[in-house]
Amino acid sequence: MAKKIEGTPEAWEDGSLGREEEFVRVSKNVDDAALNEAAGLQPISIRLQKSLIEDFKMIAEINGIGYQPLIRQVLKRFADSEKRRILREKSADMRSLDDDEHHDPDNGEGKRAYG
């Protein structure tokens, strides 16, 4: 009698269930457009240096993922970082403008008394 493994979410996540090759099959009726839409993905075409692709493949293999998901992760990290940088700069610019608008030269702010 086969040992039964409880079908808990943890068992699926840790690979106790669902990773045996005997249960893997390729689906023949895949709607790529629906799959991309459900995953929020937009197929694109991009030309990259062969050496860069090889580097991504090597890094991806070490990390146990495909190179295309790795490239998506790298691009997402970069975009998130750049958005934060831009927002910080805009926020600093706005604070600087706000400080300039509230500066009253007649009240002596920023002036030094030399005696």
PDB file of N, CA and C in Angstrom:
ATOM      1  N   MET A   1       0.845  -1.176   0.000  1.00  0.00           N
ATOM      2  CA  MET A   1       0.000   0.000   0.000  1.00  0.00           C
ATOM      3  C   MET A   1       0.891   1.240   0.000  1.00  0.00           C
ATOM      4  N   ALA A   2       0.560   2.205  -0.878  1.00  0.00           N
ATOM      5  CA  ALA A   2       1.344   3.429  -0.999  1.00  0.00           C
ATOM      6  C   ALA A   2       1.096   4.341   0.194  1.00  0.00           C
ATOM      7  N   LYS A   3       2.160   5.003   0.610  1.00  0.00           N
ATOM      8  CA  LYS A   3       2.061   5.957   1.713  1.00  0.00           C
ATOM      9  C   LYS A   3       1.350   7.199   1.211  1.00  0.00           C
ATOM     10  N   LYS A   4       0.345   7.628   1.936  1.00  0.00           N
ATOM     11  CA  LYS A   4      -0.415   8.815   1.553  1.00  0.00           C
ATOM     12  C   LYS A   4       0.234  10.058   2.146  1.00  0.00           C
ATOM     13  N   ILE A   5       0.456  11.071   1.303  1.00  0.00           N
ATOM     14  CA  ILE A   5       0.987  12.354   1.749  1.00  0.00           C
ATOM     15  C   ILE A   5      -0.184  13.321   1.806  1.00  0.00           C
ATOM     16  N   GLU A   6      -0.321  13.944   2.934  1.00  0.00           N
ATOM     17  CA  GLU A   6      -1.414  14.905   3.081  1.00  0.00           C
ATOM     18  C   GLU A   6      -1.262  16.036   2.058  1.00  0.00           C
ATOM     19  N   GLY A   7      -2.374  16.422   1.441  1.00  0.00           N
ATOM     20  CA  GLY A   7      -2.377  17.470   0.427  1.00  0.00           C
ATOM     21  C   GLY A   7      -2.486  18.859   1.011  1.00  0.00           C
ATOM     22  N   THR A   8      -1.566  19.212   1.861  1.00  0.00           N
ATOM     23  CA  THR A   8      -1.581  20.540   2.471  1.00  0.00           C
ATOM     24  C   THR A   8      -0.901  21.538   1.528  1.00  0.00           C
ATOM     25  N   PRO A   9      -1.196  22.805   1.690  1.00  0.00           N
ATOM     26  CA  PRO A   9      -0.489  23.805   0.881  1.00  0.00           C
ATOM     27  C   PRO A   9       1.026  23.719   1.066  1.00  0.00           C
ATOM     28  N   GLU A  10       1.455  23.413   2.288  1.00  0.00           N
ATOM     29  CA  GLU A  10       2.890  23.298   2.557  1.00  0.00           C
ATOM     30  C   GLU A  10       3.521  22.178   1.737  1.00  0.00           C
ATOM     31  N   ALA A  11       2.778  21.055   1.592  1.00  0.00           N
ATOM     32  CA  ALA A  11       3.300  19.926   0.816  1.00  0.00           C
ATOM     33  C   ALA A  11       3.490  20.307  -0.650  1.00  0.00           C
ATOM     34  N   TRP A  12       2.611  21.138  -1.167  1.00  0.00           N
ATOM     35  CA  TRP A  12       2.778  21.606  -2.554  1.00  0.00           C
ATOM     36  C   TRP A  12       3.944  22.576  -2.646  1.00  0.00           C
ATOM     37  N   GLU A  13       4.041  23.475  -1.667  1.00  0.00           N
ATOM     38  CA  GLU A  13       5.096  24.488  -1.692  1.00  0.00           C
ATOM     39  C   GLU A  13       6.486  23.890  -1.503  1.00  0.00           C
ATOM     40  N   ASP A  14       6.631  22.917  -0.596  1.00  0.00           N
ATOM     41  CA  ASP A  14       7.966  22.359  -0.365  1.00  0.00           C
ATOM     42  C   ASP A  14       8.340  21.272  -1.364  1.00  0.00           C
ATOM     43  N   GLY A  15       7.409  20.935  -2.269  1.00  0.00           N
ATOM     44  CA  GLY A  15       7.722  19.970  -3.318  1.00  0.00           C
ATOM     45  C   GLY A  15       7.434  18.535  -2.948  1.00  0.00           C
ATOM     46  N   SER A  16       6.891  18.285  -1.757  1.00  0.00           N
ATOM     47  CA  SER A  16       6.518  16.919  -1.410  1.00  0.00           C
ATOM     48  C   SER A  16       5.483  16.390  -2.389  1.00  0.00           C
ATOM     49  N   LEU A  17       4.644  17.276  -2.885  1.00  0.00           N
ATOM     50  CA  LEU A  17       3.644  16.925  -3.886  1.00  0.00           C
ATOM     51  C   LEU A  17       3.880  17.725  -5.156  1.00  0.00           C
ATOM     52  N   GLY A  18       3.590  17.107  -6.281  1.00  0.00           N
ATOM     53  CA  GLY A  18       3.520  17.829  -7.541  1.00  0.00           C
ATOM     54  C   GLY A  18       4.782  17.939  -8.355  1.00  0.00           C
ATOM     55  N   ARG A  19       5.900  17.363  -7.909  1.00  0.00           N
ATOM     56  CA  ARG A  19       7.128  17.521  -8.669  1.00  0.00           C
ATOM     57  C   ARG A  19       7.637  16.234  -9.303  1.00  0.00           C
ATOM     58  N   GLU A  20       6.914  15.162  -9.127  1.00  0.00           N
ATOM     59  CA  GLU A  20       7.357  13.910  -9.717  1.00  0.00           C
ATOM     60  C   GLU A  20       7.158  13.946 -11.224  1.00  0.00           C
ATOM     61  N   GLU A  21       8.195  13.545 -11.952  1.00  0.00           N
ATOM     62  CA  GLU A  21       8.181  13.607 -13.410  1.00  0.00           C
ATOM     63  C   GLU A  21       7.077  12.743 -14.012  1.00  0.00           C
ATOM     64  N   GLU A  22       6.710  11.658 -13.340  1.00  0.00           N
ATOM     65  CA  GLU A  22       5.686  10.763 -13.882  1.00  0.00           C
ATOM     66  C   GLU A  22       4.325  11.449 -14.005  1.00  0.00           C
ATOM     67  N   PHE A  23       4.121  12.537 -13.268  1.00  0.00           N
ATOM     68  CA  PHE A  23       2.843  13.236 -13.300  1.00  0.00           C
ATOM     69  C   PHE A  23       2.859  14.488 -14.185  1.00  0.00           C
ATOM     70  N   VAL A  24       3.983  14.730 -14.847  1.00  0.00           N
ATOM     71  CA  VAL A  24       4.117  15.924 -15.682  1.00  0.00           C
ATOM     72  C   VAL A  24       3.653  15.609 -17.106  1.00  0.00           C
ATOM     73  N   ARG A  25       2.911  16.539 -17.679  1.00  0.00           N
ATOM     74  CA  ARG A  25       2.534  16.419 -19.091  1.00  0.00           C
ATOM     75  C   ARG A  25       2.431  17.810 -19.688  1.00  0.00           C
ATOM     76  N   VAL A  26       2.605  17.875 -20.978  1.00  0.00           N
ATOM     77  CA  VAL A  26       2.503  19.140 -21.688  1.00  0.00           C
ATOM     78  C   VAL A  26       1.057  19.335 -22.113  1.00  0.00           C
ATOM     79  N   SER A  27       0.517  20.467 -21.792  1.00  0.00           N
ATOM     80  CA  SER A  27      -0.847  20.775 -22.197  1.00  0.00           C
ATOM     81  C   SER A  27      -0.858  21.176 -23.660  1.00  0.00           C
ATOM     82  N   LYS A  28      -1.799  20.631 -24.400  1.00  0.00           N
ATOM     83  CA  LYS A  28      -1.863  20.901 -25.837  1.00  0.00           C
ATOM     84  C   LYS A  28      -2.818  22.042 -26.159  1.00  0.00           C
ATOM     85  N   ASN A  29      -3.704  22.354 -25.255  1.00  0.00           N
ATOM     86  CA  ASN A  29      -4.724  23.372 -25.521  1.00  0.00           C
ATOM     87  C   ASN A  29      -4.466  24.628 -24.705  1.00  0.00           C
ATOM     88  N   VAL A  30      -3.301  25.232 -24.918  1.00  0.00           N
ATOM     89  CA  VAL A  30      -2.943  26.428 -24.168  1.00  0.00           C
ATOM     90  C   VAL A  30      -3.252  27.657 -25.012  1.00  0.00           C
ATOM     91  N   ASP A  31      -3.998  28.564 -24.437  1.00  0.00           N
ATOM     92  CA  ASP A  31      -4.276  29.842 -25.087  1.00  0.00           C
ATOM     93  C   ASP A  31      -3.231  30.825 -24.571  1.00  0.00           C
ATOM     94  N   ASP A  32      -2.177  31.046 -25.389  1.00  0.00           N
ATOM     95  CA  ASP A  32      -1.066  31.894 -24.949  1.00  0.00           C
ATOM     96  C   ASP A  32      -1.535  33.289 -24.558  1.00  0.00           C
ATOM     97  N   ALA A  33      -2.465  33.848 -25.332  1.00  0.00           N
ATOM     98  CA  ALA A  33      -2.940  35.197 -25.023  1.00  0.00           C
ATOM     99  C   ALA A  33      -3.633  35.230 -23.665  1.00  0.00           C
ATOM    100  N   ALA A  34      -4.462  34.228 -23.379  1.00  0.00           N
ATOM    101  CA  ALA A  34      -5.161  34.174 -22.093  1.00  0.00           C
ATOM    102  C   ALA A  34      -4.162  33.935 -20.956  1.00  0.00           C
ATOM    103  N   LEU A  35      -3.169  33.086 -21.204  1.00  0.00           N
ATOM    104  CA  LEU A  35      -2.149  32.818 -20.195  1.00  0.00           C
ATOM    105  C   LEU A  35      -1.360  34.086 -19.881  1.00  0.00           C
ATOM    106  N   ASN A  36      -0.935  34.810 -20.919  1.00  0.00           N
ATOM    107  CA  ASN A  36      -0.206  36.065 -20.719  1.00  0.00           C
ATOM    108  C   ASN A  36      -1.063  37.092 -19.987  1.00  0.00           C
ATOM    109  N   GLU A  37      -2.336  37.167 -20.358  1.00  0.00           N
ATOM    110  CA  GLU A  37      -3.241  38.117 -19.713  1.00  0.00           C
ATOM    111  C   GLU A  37      -3.413  37.781 -18.235  1.00  0.00           C
ATOM    112  N   ALA A  38      -3.608  36.504 -17.942  1.00  0.00           N
ATOM    113  CA  ALA A  38      -3.793  36.078 -16.557  1.00  0.00           C
ATOM    114  C   ALA A  38      -2.542  36.354 -15.720  1.00  0.00           C
ATOM    115  N   ALA A  39      -1.380  36.223 -16.323  1.00  0.00           N
ATOM    116  CA  ALA A  39      -0.127  36.448 -15.598  1.00  0.00           C
ATOM    117  C   ALA A  39       0.324  37.905 -15.654  1.00  0.00           C
ATOM    118  N   GLY A  40      -0.405  38.729 -16.408  1.00  0.00           N
ATOM    119  CA  GLY A  40      -0.031  40.135 -16.533  1.00  0.00           C
ATOM    120  C   GLY A  40       1.248  40.324 -17.330  1.00  0.00           C
ATOM    121  N   LEU A  41       1.485  39.457 -18.301  1.00  0.00           N
ATOM    122  CA  LEU A  41       2.713  39.515 -19.096  1.00  0.00           C
ATOM    123  C   LEU A  41       2.437  40.046 -20.495  1.00  0.00           C
ATOM    124  N   GLN A  42       3.412  40.747 -21.047  1.00  0.00           N
ATOM    125  CA  GLN A  42       3.360  41.277 -22.403  1.00  0.00           C
ATOM    126  C   GLN A  42       4.571  40.743 -23.156  1.00  0.00           C
ATOM    127  N   PRO A  43       4.350  39.880 -24.134  1.00  0.00           N
ATOM    128  CA  PRO A  43       5.501  39.390 -24.902  1.00  0.00           C
ATOM    129  C   PRO A  43       6.172  40.547 -25.651  1.00  0.00           C
ATOM    130  N   ILE A  44       7.501  40.554 -25.632  1.00  0.00           N
ATOM    131  CA  ILE A  44       8.257  41.557 -26.373  1.00  0.00           C
ATOM    132  C   ILE A  44       9.382  40.863 -27.118  1.00  0.00           C
ATOM    133  N   SER A  45       9.985  41.603 -28.009  1.00  0.00           N
ATOM    134  CA  SER A  45      11.167  41.122 -28.705  1.00  0.00           C
ATOM    135  C   SER A  45      12.293  42.095 -28.396  1.00  0.00           C
ATOM    136  N   ILE A  46      13.428  41.558 -27.981  1.00  0.00           N
ATOM    137  CA  ILE A  46      14.559  42.408 -27.616  1.00  0.00           C
ATOM    138  C   ILE A  46      15.836  41.722 -28.062  1.00  0.00           C
ATOM    139  N   ARG A  47      16.783  42.500 -28.500  1.00  0.00           N
ATOM    140  CA  ARG A  47      18.075  41.953 -28.906  1.00  0.00           C
ATOM    141  C   ARG A  47      19.088  42.238 -27.806  1.00  0.00           C
ATOM    142  N   LEU A  48      19.719  41.156 -27.326  1.00  0.00           N
ATOM    143  CA  LEU A  48      20.732  41.265 -26.282  1.00  0.00           C
ATOM    144  C   LEU A  48      22.005  40.587 -26.752  1.00  0.00           C
ATOM    145  N   GLN A  49      23.131  41.026 -26.216  1.00  0.00           N
ATOM    146  CA  GLN A  49      24.401  40.397 -26.547  1.00  0.00           C
ATOM    147  C   GLN A  49      24.372  38.934 -26.112  1.00  0.00           C
ATOM    148  N   LYS A  50      24.945  38.070 -26.943  1.00  0.00           N
ATOM    149  CA  LYS A  50      24.975  36.644 -26.629  1.00  0.00           C
ATOM    150  C   LYS A  50      25.649  36.390 -25.288  1.00  0.00           C
ATOM    151  N   SER A  51      26.733  37.123 -25.017  1.00  0.00           N
ATOM    152  CA  SER A  51      27.445  36.920 -23.749  1.00  0.00           C
ATOM    153  C   SER A  51      26.558  37.288 -22.561  1.00  0.00           C
ATOM    154  N   LEU A  52      25.715  38.313 -22.710  1.00  0.00           N
ATOM    155  CA  LEU A  52      24.808  38.708 -21.638  1.00  0.00           C
ATOM    156  C   LEU A  52      23.776  37.613 -21.383  1.00  0.00           C
ATOM    157  N   ILE A  53      23.244  37.058 -22.448  1.00  0.00           N
ATOM    158  CA  ILE A  53      22.272  35.971 -22.317  1.00  0.00           C
ATOM    159  C   ILE A  53      22.917  34.767 -21.630  1.00  0.00           C
ATOM    160  N   GLU A  54      24.146  34.442 -22.027  1.00  0.00           N
ATOM    161  CA  GLU A  54      24.854  33.326 -21.396  1.00  0.00           C
ATOM    162  C   GLU A  54      25.082  33.589 -19.909  1.00  0.00           C
ATOM    163  N   ASP A  55      25.409  34.836 -19.572  1.00  0.00           N
ATOM    164  CA  ASP A  55      25.573  35.200 -18.159  1.00  0.00           C
ATOM    165  C   ASP A  55      24.265  35.003 -17.393  1.00  0.00           C
ATOM    166  N   PHE A  56      23.161  35.467 -17.974  1.00  0.00           N
ATOM    167  CA  PHE A  56      21.859  35.293 -17.325  1.00  0.00           C
ATOM    168  C   PHE A  56      21.514  33.818 -17.172  1.00  0.00           C
ATOM    169  N   LYS A  57      21.802  33.022 -18.184  1.00  0.00           N
ATOM    170  CA  LYS A  57      21.525  31.585 -18.099  1.00  0.00           C
ATOM    171  C   LYS A  57      22.330  30.945 -16.976  1.00  0.00           C
ATOM    172  N   MET A  58      23.596  31.311 -16.850  1.00  0.00           N
ATOM    173  CA  MET A  58      24.450  30.754 -15.801  1.00  0.00           C
ATOM    174  C   MET A  58      23.934  31.162 -14.421  1.00  0.00           C
ATOM    175  N   ILE A  59      23.620  32.429 -14.251  1.00  0.00           N
ATOM    176  CA  ILE A  59      23.113  32.929 -12.972  1.00  0.00           C
ATOM    177  C   ILE A  59      21.771  32.270 -12.643  1.00  0.00           C
ATOM    178  N   ALA A  60      20.912  32.156 -13.650  1.00  0.00           N
ATOM    179  CA  ALA A  60      19.598  31.541 -13.447  1.00  0.00           C
ATOM    180  C   ALA A  60      19.736  30.082 -13.028  1.00  0.00           C
ATOM    181  N   GLU A  61      20.636  29.360 -13.675  1.00  0.00           N
ATOM    182  CA  GLU A  61      20.830  27.948 -13.336  1.00  0.00           C
ATOM    183  C   GLU A  61      21.298  27.797 -11.886  1.00  0.00           C
ATOM    184  N   ILE A  62      22.222  28.644 -11.475  1.00  0.00           N
ATOM    185  CA  ILE A  62      22.710  28.605 -10.088  1.00  0.00           C
ATOM    186  C   ILE A  62      21.566  28.850  -9.106  1.00  0.00           C
ATOM    187  N   ASN A  63      20.631  29.717  -9.501  1.00  0.00           N
ATOM    188  CA  ASN A  63      19.510  30.059  -8.626  1.00  0.00           C
ATOM    189  C   ASN A  63      18.288  29.173  -8.838  1.00  0.00           C
ATOM    190  N   GLY A  64      18.388  28.214  -9.747  1.00  0.00           N
ATOM    191  CA  GLY A  64      17.302  27.256  -9.947  1.00  0.00           C
ATOM    192  C   GLY A  64      16.072  27.823 -10.621  1.00  0.00           C
ATOM    193  N   ILE A  65      16.266  28.829 -11.480  1.00  0.00           N
ATOM    194  CA  ILE A  65      15.136  29.402 -12.227  1.00  0.00           C
ATOM    195  C   ILE A  65      15.529  29.514 -13.691  1.00  0.00           C
ATOM    196  N   GLY A  66      14.572  29.829 -14.530  1.00  0.00           N
ATOM    197  CA  GLY A  66      14.855  30.061 -15.937  1.00  0.00           C
ATOM    198  C   GLY A  66      15.463  31.438 -16.138  1.00  0.00           C
ATOM    199  N   TYR A  67      16.156  31.612 -17.269  1.00  0.00           N
ATOM    200  CA  TYR A  67      16.815  32.901 -17.484  1.00  0.00           C
ATOM    201  C   TYR A  67      15.824  34.011 -17.808  1.00  0.00           C
ATOM    202  N   GLN A  68      14.699  33.691 -18.445  1.00  0.00           N
ATOM    203  CA  GLN A  68      13.723  34.744 -18.737  1.00  0.00           C
ATOM    204  C   GLN A  68      13.056  35.267 -17.467  1.00  0.00           C
ATOM    205  N   PRO A  69      12.638  34.399 -16.536  1.00  0.00           N
ATOM    206  CA  PRO A  69      12.139  34.941 -15.263  1.00  0.00           C
ATOM    207  C   PRO A  69      13.196  35.758 -14.526  1.00  0.00           C
ATOM    208  N   LEU A  70      14.460  35.347 -14.624  1.00  0.00           N
ATOM    209  CA  LEU A  70      15.535  36.113 -13.996  1.00  0.00           C
ATOM    210  C   LEU A  70      15.628  37.507 -14.620  1.00  0.00           C
ATOM    211  N   ILE A  71      15.577  37.576 -15.945  1.00  0.00           N
ATOM    212  CA  ILE A  71      15.625  38.878 -16.621  1.00  0.00           C
ATOM    213  C   ILE A  71      14.441  39.734 -16.186  1.00  0.00           C
ATOM    214  N   ARG A  72      13.238  39.137 -16.063  1.00  0.00           N
ATOM    215  CA  ARG A  72      12.072  39.889 -15.573  1.00  0.00           C
ATOM    216  C   ARG A  72      12.337  40.428 -14.173  1.00  0.00           C
ATOM    217  N   GLN A  73      12.925  39.595 -13.293  1.00  0.00           N
ATOM    218  CA  GLN A  73      13.224  40.040 -11.931  1.00  0.00           C
ATOM    219  C   GLN A  73      14.203  41.213 -11.940  1.00  0.00           C
ATOM    220  N   VAL A  74      15.240  41.102 -12.760  1.00  0.00           N
ATOM    221  CA  VAL A  74      16.247  42.167 -12.826  1.00  0.00           C
ATOM    222  C   VAL A  74      15.616  43.466 -13.321  1.00  0.00           C
ATOM    223  N   LEU A  75      14.816  43.383 -14.370  1.00  0.00           N
ATOM    224  CA  LEU A  75      14.169  44.583 -14.908  1.00  0.00           C
ATOM    225  C   LEU A  75      13.191  45.176 -13.898  1.00  0.00           C
ATOM    226  N   LYS A  76      12.459  44.330 -13.190  1.00  0.00           N
ATOM    227  CA  LYS A  76      11.517  44.820 -12.178  1.00  0.00           C
ATOM    228  C   LYS A  76      12.259  45.518 -11.045  1.00  0.00           C
ATOM    229  N   ARG A  77      13.347  44.916 -10.568  1.00  0.00           N
ATOM    230  CA  ARG A  77      14.143  45.547  -9.506  1.00  0.00           C
ATOM    231  C   ARG A  77      14.662  46.905  -9.953  1.00  0.00           C
ATOM    232  N   PHE A  78      15.167  46.968 -11.186  1.00  0.00           N
ATOM    233  CA  PHE A  78      15.696  48.233 -11.696  1.00  0.00           C
ATOM    234  C   PHE A  78      14.587  49.281 -11.791  1.00  0.00           C
ATOM    235  N   ALA A  79      13.455  48.900 -12.378  1.00  0.00           N
ATOM    236  CA  ALA A  79      12.356  49.853 -12.547  1.00  0.00           C
ATOM    237  C   ALA A  79      11.856  50.347 -11.189  1.00  0.00           C
ATOM    238  N   ASP A  80      11.702  49.429 -10.221  1.00  0.00           N
ATOM    239  CA  ASP A  80      11.252  49.840  -8.883  1.00  0.00           C
ATOM    240  C   ASP A  80      12.245  50.807  -8.243  1.00  0.00           C
ATOM    241  N   SER A  81      13.527  50.492  -8.370  1.00  0.00           N
ATOM    242  CA  SER A  81      14.569  51.341  -7.792  1.00  0.00           C
ATOM    243  C   SER A  81      14.579  52.725  -8.437  1.00  0.00           C
ATOM    244  N   GLU A  82      14.460  52.767  -9.741  1.00  0.00           N
ATOM    245  CA  GLU A  82      14.448  54.053 -10.447  1.00  0.00           C
ATOM    246  C   GLU A  82      13.216  54.873 -10.088  1.00  0.00           C
ATOM    247  N   LYS A  83      12.056  54.222  -9.965  1.00  0.00           N
ATOM    248  CA  LYS A  83      10.848  54.950  -9.570  1.00  0.00           C
ATOM    249  C   LYS A  83      11.023  55.557  -8.188  1.00  0.00           C
ATOM    250  N   ARG A  84      11.595  54.783  -7.243  1.00  0.00           N
ATOM    251  CA  ARG A  84      11.828  55.314  -5.897  1.00  0.00           C
ATOM    252  C   ARG A  84      12.791  56.494  -5.941  1.00  0.00           C
ATOM    253  N   ARG A  85      13.868  56.375  -6.734  1.00  0.00           N
ATOM    254  CA  ARG A  85      14.845  57.463  -6.846  1.00  0.00           C
ATOM    255  C   ARG A  85      14.180  58.712  -7.396  1.00  0.00           C
ATOM    256  N   ILE A  86      13.401  58.564  -8.442  1.00  0.00           N
ATOM    257  CA  ILE A  86      12.722  59.710  -9.066  1.00  0.00           C
ATOM    258  C   ILE A  86      11.754  60.350  -8.074  1.00  0.00           C
ATOM    259  N   LEU A  87      10.994  59.531  -7.356  1.00  0.00           N
ATOM    260  CA  LEU A  87      10.056  60.073  -6.377  1.00  0.00           C
ATOM    261  C   LEU A  87      10.771  60.798  -5.246  1.00  0.00           C
ATOM    262  N   ARG A  88      11.907  60.239  -4.790  1.00  0.00           N
ATOM    263  CA  ARG A  88      12.694  60.925  -3.750  1.00  0.00           C
ATOM    264  C   ARG A  88      13.173  62.276  -4.244  1.00  0.00           C
ATOM    265  N   GLU A  89      13.686  62.317  -5.489  1.00  0.00           N
ATOM    266  CA  GLU A  89      14.176  63.584  -6.038  1.00  0.00           C
ATOM    267  C   GLU A  89      13.043  64.593  -6.185  1.00  0.00           C
ATOM    268  N   LYS A  90      11.902  64.141  -6.686  1.00  0.00           N
ATOM    269  CA  LYS A  90      10.758  65.047  -6.851  1.00  0.00           C
ATOM    270  C   LYS A  90      10.277  65.552  -5.497  1.00  0.00           C
ATOM    271  N   SER A  91      10.272  64.660  -4.512  1.00  0.00           N
ATOM    272  CA  SER A  91       9.852  65.051  -3.169  1.00  0.00           C
ATOM    273  C   SER A  91      10.812  66.084  -2.587  1.00  0.00           C
ATOM    274  N   ALA A  92      12.111  65.867  -2.778  1.00  0.00           N
ATOM    275  CA  ALA A  92      13.103  66.831  -2.288  1.00  0.00           C
ATOM    276  C   ALA A  92      12.951  68.167  -2.996  1.00  0.00           C
ATOM    277  N   ASP A  93      12.692  68.133  -4.303  1.00  0.00           N
ATOM    278  CA  ASP A  93      12.476  69.371  -5.061  1.00  0.00           C
ATOM    279  C   ASP A  93      11.255  70.116  -4.539  1.00  0.00           C
ATOM    280  N   MET A  94      10.179  69.368  -4.253  1.00  0.00           N
ATOM    281  CA  MET A  94       8.959  69.994  -3.757  1.00  0.00           C
ATOM    282  C   MET A  94       9.197  70.615  -2.380  1.00  0.00           C
ATOM    283  N   ARG A  95       9.946  69.900  -1.499  1.00  0.00           N
ATOM    284  CA  ARG A  95      10.252  70.452  -0.175  1.00  0.00           C
ATOM    285  C   ARG A  95      11.095  71.713  -0.312  1.00  0.00           C
ATOM    286  N   SER A  96      12.032  71.702  -1.239  1.00  0.00           N
ATOM    287  CA  SER A  96      12.891  72.857  -1.447  1.00  0.00           C
ATOM    288  C   SER A  96      12.066  74.049  -1.923  1.00  0.00           C
ATOM    289  N   LEU A  97      11.155  73.806  -2.850  1.00  0.00           N
ATOM    290  CA  LEU A  97      10.281  74.887  -3.322  1.00  0.00           C
ATOM    291  C   LEU A  97       9.394  75.384  -2.196  1.00  0.00           C
ATOM    292  N   ASP A  98       8.873  74.450  -1.391  1.00  0.00           N
ATOM    293  CA  ASP A  98       8.011  74.810  -0.274  1.00  0.00           C
ATOM    294  C   ASP A  98       8.779  75.648   0.731  1.00  0.00           C
ATOM    295  N   ASP A  99      10.031  75.277   1.023  1.00  0.00           N
ATOM    296  CA  ASP A  99      10.862  76.042   1.950  1.00  0.00           C
ATOM    297  C   ASP A  99      11.121  77.441   1.409  1.00  0.00           C
ATOM    298  N   ASP A 100      11.387  77.535   0.100  1.00  0.00           N
ATOM    299  CA  ASP A 100      11.644  78.844  -0.513  1.00  0.00           C
ATOM    300  C   ASP A 100      10.422  79.744  -0.432  1.00  0.00           C
ATOM    301  N   GLU A 101       9.234  79.166  -0.609  1.00  0.00           N
ATOM    302  CA  GLU A 101       8.008  79.959  -0.565  1.00  0.00           C
ATOM    303  C   GLU A 101       7.710  80.461   0.843  1.00  0.00           C
ATOM    304  N   HIS A 102       8.143  79.700   1.865  1.00  0.00           N
ATOM    305  CA  HIS A 102       7.863  80.091   3.245  1.00  0.00           C
ATOM    306  C   HIS A 102       8.987  80.910   3.870  1.00  0.00           C
ATOM    307  N   HIS A 103      10.025  81.186   3.135  1.00  0.00           N
ATOM    308  CA  HIS A 103      11.145  81.985   3.648  1.00  0.00           C
ATOM    309  C   HIS A 103      10.775  83.461   3.562  1.00  0.00           C
ATOM    310  N   ASP A 104      10.825  84.137   4.681  1.00  0.00           N
ATOM    311  CA  ASP A 104      10.489  85.568   4.739  1.00  0.00           C
ATOM    312  C   ASP A 104      11.768  86.351   4.974  1.00  0.00           C
ATOM    313  N   PRO A 105      12.300  86.999   3.930  1.00  0.00           N
ATOM    314  CA  PRO A 105      13.565  87.718   4.085  1.00  0.00           C
ATOM    315  C   PRO A 105      13.471  88.895   5.042  1.00  0.00           C
ATOM    316  N   ASP A 106      12.269  89.400   5.324  1.00  0.00           N
ATOM    317  CA  ASP A 106      12.126  90.552   6.207  1.00  0.00           C
ATOM    318  C   ASP A 106      12.213  90.199   7.686  1.00  0.00           C
ATOM    319  N   ASN A 107      12.104  88.903   8.035  1.00  0.00           N
ATOM    320  CA  ASN A 107      12.138  88.567   9.454  1.00  0.00           C
ATOM    321  C   ASN A 107      13.538  88.205   9.933  1.00  0.00           C
ATOM    322  N   GLY A 108      14.510  88.310   9.060  1.00  0.00           N
ATOM    323  CA  GLY A 108      15.885  88.093   9.456  1.00  0.00           C
ATOM    324  C   GLY A 108      16.340  86.648   9.362  1.00  0.00           C
ATOM    325  N   GLU A 109      15.483  85.753   8.860  1.00  0.00           N
ATOM    326  CA  GLU A 109      15.884  84.351   8.718  1.00  0.00           C
ATOM    327  C   GLU A 109      17.077  84.251   7.780  1.00  0.00           C
ATOM    328  N   GLY A 110      18.009  83.474   8.172  1.00  0.00           N
ATOM    329  CA  GLY A 110      19.141  83.222   7.303  1.00  0.00           C
ATOM    330  C   GLY A 110      20.187  84.317   7.334  1.00  0.00           C
ATOM    331  N   LYS A 111      19.959  85.395   8.085  1.00  0.00           N
ATOM    332  CA  LYS A 111      20.924  86.471   8.158  1.00  0.00           C
ATOM    333  C   LYS A 111      21.762  86.304   9.413  1.00  0.00           C
ATOM    334  N   ARG A 112      22.993  86.673   9.313  1.00  0.00           N
ATOM    335  CA  ARG A 112      23.874  86.632  10.479  1.00  0.00           C
ATOM    336  C   ARG A 112      24.119  88.056  10.960  1.00  0.00           C
ATOM    337  N   ALA A 113      24.159  88.176  12.237  1.00  0.00           N
ATOM    338  CA  ALA A 113      24.495  89.488  12.819  1.00  0.00           C
ATOM    339  C   ALA A 113      25.981  89.480  13.120  1.00  0.00           C
ATOM    340  N   TYR A 114      26.685  90.392  12.550  1.00  0.00           N
ATOM    341  CA  TYR A 114      28.105  90.508  12.829  1.00  0.00           C
ATOM    342  C   TYR A 114      28.294  91.678  13.775  1.00  0.00           C
ATOM    343  N   GLY A 115      29.036  91.486  14.816  1.00  0.00           N
ATOM    344  CA  GLY A 115      29.109  92.508  15.801  1.00  0.00           C
ATOM    345  C   GLY A 115      30.402  93.048  16.068  1.00  0.00           C
TER     346      GLY A 115
END
